[in-house]
């Protein structure tokens, strides 16, 4: 599906994520769909979100408290507001983390391939998702994708793709590796997460019939921010070296 973006803020660059519809003003969002991005500080959560939403990458590290990005996505007569919450990597706000889990519909759990500790820090978050959503397997309730970011830094790899894929299999969720810096698999990671929910399949279908789908996005700053698919993974291995 062809994707692009119109950011309400005056950015010079266009994004590679979903596009603005002509006649957008005639359509009103009829529901919200919340994606929550979790991960340790410095793994690149904000970079992934900004790359997806705006098509930009910043080299400097700016700690996030919590940011929420909104995109109005439409396909034919289906319209909904996608809310992406970029959470803090700090452990100082457990109540905020739990609230985000309660409100979330889908979750992106991000680690850095050059930090085994960042993968370990996702385990209690996954357990809390299971606890809050009230199921033995969170995948039965809500879509989850495990994302290994910074695959462009393969020489400093501390987490093998096999280790992460095995953990994802245990959790019953998807796994992929990305690079926000070089824009590898970023759009695909978000699309794959959204397509795990059957009600989004008509919007995020690979079919050419759904090329009309589009979106309009904005940033809201808050005061306080199953197994791998063979075919897609074959394509991704060509872009991102997996070991």
Protein backbone atom coordinates (compact mmCIF):
# COMPACT_ATOMS: atom_id res chain seq x y z
CA UNK A 1 0.00 0.00 0.00
CA UNK A 2 1.37 3.40 -0.95
CA UNK A 3 1.78 5.60 2.11
CA UNK A 4 2.66 9.25 2.77
CA UNK A 5 1.78 11.92 5.32
CA UNK A 6 0.71 15.49 5.91
CA UNK A 7 2.07 16.79 9.21
CA UNK A 8 0.12 19.66 10.72
CA UNK A 9 3.34 21.23 11.97
CA UNK A 10 5.33 23.06 9.31
CA UNK A 11 7.93 20.43 8.45
CA UNK A 12 9.86 20.62 5.20
CA UNK A 13 10.05 16.87 4.69
CA UNK A 14 7.26 14.56 3.64
CA UNK A 15 6.77 11.21 5.33
CA UNK A 16 6.58 7.71 3.96
CA UNK A 17 3.66 6.86 6.21
CA UNK A 18 -0.13 7.04 5.16
CA UNK A 19 -1.28 9.95 2.84
CA UNK A 20 -3.81 12.78 2.95
CA UNK A 21 -7.04 12.15 1.11
CA UNK A 22 -8.43 14.70 -1.22
CA UNK A 23 -11.86 15.49 0.12
CA UNK A 24 -10.67 14.61 3.61
CA UNK A 25 -12.84 17.36 5.09
CA UNK A 26 -15.98 15.43 4.10
CA UNK A 27 -15.04 12.46 6.28
CA UNK A 28 -15.18 12.32 10.06
CA UNK A 29 -13.28 9.85 12.25
CA UNK A 30 -15.66 7.30 13.75
CA UNK A 31 -13.33 5.53 16.17
CA UNK A 32 -9.92 5.69 17.83
CA UNK A 33 -7.25 3.00 17.62
CA UNK A 34 -4.39 3.32 20.09
CA UNK A 35 -0.88 1.98 19.51
CA UNK A 36 1.48 2.23 22.49
CA UNK A 37 5.26 2.08 21.99
CA UNK A 38 7.24 0.73 24.97
CA UNK A 39 10.97 0.27 25.47
CA UNK A 40 14.01 1.29 27.51
CA UNK A 41 15.54 4.74 27.24
CA UNK A 42 17.70 5.21 24.15
CA UNK A 43 16.42 2.27 22.07
CA UNK A 44 14.96 4.61 19.45
CA UNK A 45 11.23 4.61 20.21
CA UNK A 46 10.81 8.27 19.32
CA UNK A 47 12.99 7.85 16.24
CA UNK A 48 10.78 5.02 14.98
CA UNK A 49 7.61 7.01 15.55
CA UNK A 50 9.00 10.16 13.94
CA UNK A 51 10.31 8.18 10.97
CA UNK A 52 6.87 6.61 10.49
CA UNK A 53 4.83 9.76 11.04
CA UNK A 54 7.05 12.46 9.53
CA UNK A 55 9.70 10.58 7.56
CA UNK A 56 12.44 12.32 9.55
CA UNK A 57 15.34 11.23 11.77
CA UNK A 58 17.14 13.22 14.44
CA UNK A 59 20.69 12.35 15.48
CA UNK A 60 20.49 13.93 18.92
CA UNK A 61 18.93 12.02 21.82
CA UNK A 62 16.12 13.86 23.59
CA UNK A 63 14.52 11.92 26.47
CA UNK A 64 10.76 11.57 26.06
CA UNK A 65 8.26 12.00 28.86
CA UNK A 66 5.31 11.11 26.66
CA UNK A 67 4.19 12.18 23.18
CA UNK A 68 1.00 11.25 21.38
CA UNK A 69 0.73 11.39 17.59
CA UNK A 70 -2.64 11.26 15.86
CA UNK A 71 -3.34 10.18 12.29
CA UNK A 72 -6.76 10.12 10.64
CA UNK A 73 -6.71 7.04 8.42
CA UNK A 74 -9.34 6.26 5.82
CA UNK A 75 -10.02 3.64 3.19
CA UNK A 76 -13.21 3.77 1.16
CA UNK A 77 -15.86 4.50 3.82
CA UNK A 78 -13.80 3.28 6.79
CA UNK A 79 -12.31 6.03 8.92
CA UNK A 80 -10.51 5.96 12.25
CA UNK A 81 -8.02 7.96 14.25
CA UNK A 82 -4.73 6.18 14.86
CA UNK A 83 -3.13 7.38 18.10
CA UNK A 84 0.53 6.45 18.60
CA UNK A 85 1.76 6.98 22.16
CA UNK A 86 5.53 7.29 22.45
CA UNK A 87 6.18 6.46 26.11
CA UNK A 88 9.02 7.35 28.46
CA UNK A 89 11.91 4.92 28.83
CA UNK A 90 12.06 5.76 32.52
CA UNK A 91 10.68 3.50 35.24
CA UNK A 92 9.57 6.48 37.29
CA UNK A 93 5.97 6.46 36.07
CA UNK A 94 4.46 2.99 36.72
CA UNK A 95 0.93 4.40 36.98
CA UNK A 96 1.28 6.04 33.57
CA UNK A 97 2.57 2.78 32.08
CA UNK A 98 -0.39 0.85 33.44
CA UNK A 99 -2.84 3.47 32.18
CA UNK A 100 -1.32 3.29 28.69
CA UNK A 101 -1.72 -0.49 28.72
CA UNK A 102 -5.34 -0.17 29.80
CA UNK A 103 -6.09 2.26 26.97
CA UNK A 104 -3.94 0.60 24.29
CA UNK A 105 -5.30 -1.57 21.50
CA UNK A 106 -1.92 -2.66 20.08
CA UNK A 107 1.63 -2.60 21.43
CA UNK A 108 5.08 -2.17 19.92
CA UNK A 109 7.81 -3.43 22.26
CA UNK A 110 11.14 -1.95 21.18
CA UNK A 111 14.68 -3.00 22.13
CA UNK A 112 18.06 -2.13 20.64
CA UNK A 113 19.96 -4.96 18.95
CA UNK A 114 23.14 -3.67 20.62
CA UNK A 115 21.71 -3.91 24.15
CA UNK A 116 20.67 -7.23 25.69
CA UNK A 117 19.51 -5.31 28.76
CA UNK A 118 16.95 -3.41 26.67
CA UNK A 119 15.41 -6.74 25.63
CA UNK A 120 15.30 -7.92 29.24
CA UNK A 121 13.52 -4.73 30.28
CA UNK A 122 10.62 -5.59 27.97
CA UNK A 123 9.77 -8.79 29.85
CA UNK A 124 8.03 -7.14 32.83
CA UNK A 125 6.18 -4.85 30.43
CA UNK A 126 4.90 -7.84 28.48
CA UNK A 127 3.86 -9.51 31.74
CA UNK A 128 1.94 -6.40 32.75
CA UNK A 129 0.17 -6.30 29.38
CA UNK A 130 -0.94 -9.89 29.99
CA UNK A 131 -2.02 -9.04 33.52
CA UNK A 132 -3.93 -5.88 32.61
CA UNK A 133 -5.59 -7.38 29.56
CA UNK A 134 -6.51 -10.46 31.60
CA UNK A 135 -5.37 -13.31 29.38
CA UNK A 136 -2.85 -16.12 29.52
CA UNK A 137 -1.48 -14.88 26.20
CA UNK A 138 -1.67 -11.18 25.36
CA UNK A 139 -1.73 -12.00 21.65
CA UNK A 140 -5.25 -13.42 22.08
CA UNK A 141 -6.42 -10.03 23.26
CA UNK A 142 -4.26 -7.41 21.61
CA UNK A 143 -1.74 -7.27 18.75
CA UNK A 144 1.92 -7.12 19.84
CA UNK A 145 5.10 -6.81 17.81
CA UNK A 146 8.65 -7.14 19.18
CA UNK A 147 10.95 -4.73 17.35
CA UNK A 148 14.75 -4.83 17.37
CA UNK A 149 15.82 -1.32 16.39
CA UNK A 150 19.24 -0.06 15.22
CA UNK A 151 19.90 -2.98 12.86
CA UNK A 152 22.24 -0.61 11.00
CA UNK A 153 24.64 -1.10 13.96
CA UNK A 154 25.10 -4.80 13.31
CA UNK A 155 28.81 -4.73 14.20
CA UNK A 156 27.83 -3.89 17.79
CA UNK A 157 25.04 -6.49 17.97
CA UNK A 158 24.36 -7.86 21.45
CA UNK A 159 21.04 -9.60 20.69
CA UNK A 160 20.93 -12.22 17.95
CA UNK A 161 17.81 -12.28 15.80
CA UNK A 162 17.32 -15.94 16.77
CA UNK A 163 17.17 -15.10 20.49
CA UNK A 164 14.63 -12.33 19.93
CA UNK A 165 12.58 -14.43 17.50
CA UNK A 166 12.45 -17.27 20.03
CA UNK A 167 11.19 -14.88 22.71
CA UNK A 168 8.56 -13.53 20.31
CA UNK A 169 7.46 -17.09 19.58
CA UNK A 170 7.10 -17.75 23.31
CA UNK A 171 5.01 -14.63 23.63
CA UNK A 172 2.97 -15.47 20.54
CA UNK A 173 3.76 -12.19 18.81
CA UNK A 174 5.44 -10.87 15.68
CA UNK A 175 9.15 -9.99 15.51
CA UNK A 176 11.11 -7.79 13.15
CA UNK A 177 14.28 -5.70 13.06
CA UNK A 178 14.34 -2.06 12.01
CA UNK A 179 16.56 0.95 11.57
CA UNK A 180 14.95 4.32 12.15
CA UNK A 181 18.20 5.93 10.99
CA UNK A 182 18.31 4.26 7.57
CA UNK A 183 14.53 3.77 7.33
CA UNK A 184 14.61 -0.03 7.18
CA UNK A 185 11.34 -1.87 7.94
CA UNK A 186 9.85 1.05 9.89
CA UNK A 187 6.65 1.47 7.91
CA UNK A 188 6.35 -2.31 7.60
CA UNK A 189 6.63 -2.77 11.38
CA UNK A 190 3.72 -0.43 12.07
CA UNK A 191 1.64 -1.86 9.23
CA UNK A 192 2.30 -5.43 10.38
CA UNK A 193 1.22 -4.52 13.90
CA UNK A 194 -2.00 -2.92 12.71
CA UNK A 195 -2.78 -5.80 10.36
CA UNK A 196 -2.64 -8.24 13.30
CA UNK A 197 -6.04 -6.86 14.28
CA UNK A 198 -8.67 -8.26 11.86
CA UNK A 199 -10.72 -5.06 11.94
CA UNK A 200 -7.80 -3.18 10.36
CA UNK A 201 -7.18 -5.68 7.57
CA UNK A 202 -9.34 -3.85 5.01
CA UNK A 203 -7.38 -0.64 5.56
CA UNK A 204 -3.86 -2.07 5.76
CA UNK A 205 -4.29 -4.68 3.05
CA UNK A 206 -1.50 -5.26 0.54
CA UNK A 207 -4.14 -5.35 -2.18
CA UNK A 208 -3.92 -2.70 -4.89
CA UNK A 209 -7.61 -2.04 -4.30
CA UNK A 210 -6.71 -0.38 -1.02
CA UNK A 211 -4.21 2.10 -2.45
CA UNK A 212 -6.79 4.82 -1.83
CA UNK A 213 -6.28 4.66 1.92
CA UNK A 214 -4.87 7.80 3.46
CA UNK A 215 -4.23 9.76 6.59
CA UNK A 216 -3.75 13.14 8.15
CA UNK A 217 -1.60 13.43 11.24
CA UNK A 218 -0.84 15.73 14.13
CA UNK A 219 1.33 15.73 17.23
CA UNK A 220 -0.09 16.34 20.67
CA UNK A 221 2.52 16.99 23.39
CA UNK A 222 1.52 15.87 26.86
CA UNK A 223 2.95 17.60 29.89
CA UNK A 224 3.99 14.47 31.63
CA UNK A 225 5.03 11.57 26.73
CA UNK A 226 3.04 -15.01 16.04
CA UNK A 227 5.60 -16.26 14.36
CA UNK A 228 7.51 -14.41 11.67
CA UNK A 229 5.89 -14.28 8.28
CA UNK A 230 8.19 -16.15 5.89
CA UNK A 231 7.60 -14.04 2.82
CA UNK A 232 8.01 -10.66 4.53
CA UNK A 233 11.05 -11.83 6.45
CA UNK A 234 12.78 -12.98 3.28
CA UNK A 235 12.41 -9.46 1.89
CA UNK A 236 13.57 -7.88 5.13
CA UNK A 237 16.74 -9.97 5.39
CA UNK A 238 17.88 -8.38 2.15
CA UNK A 239 17.66 -4.96 3.79
CA UNK A 240 18.74 -5.71 7.35
CA UNK A 241 21.47 -8.22 8.20
CA UNK A 242 20.17 -10.76 10.71
CA UNK A 243 22.51 -12.98 12.71
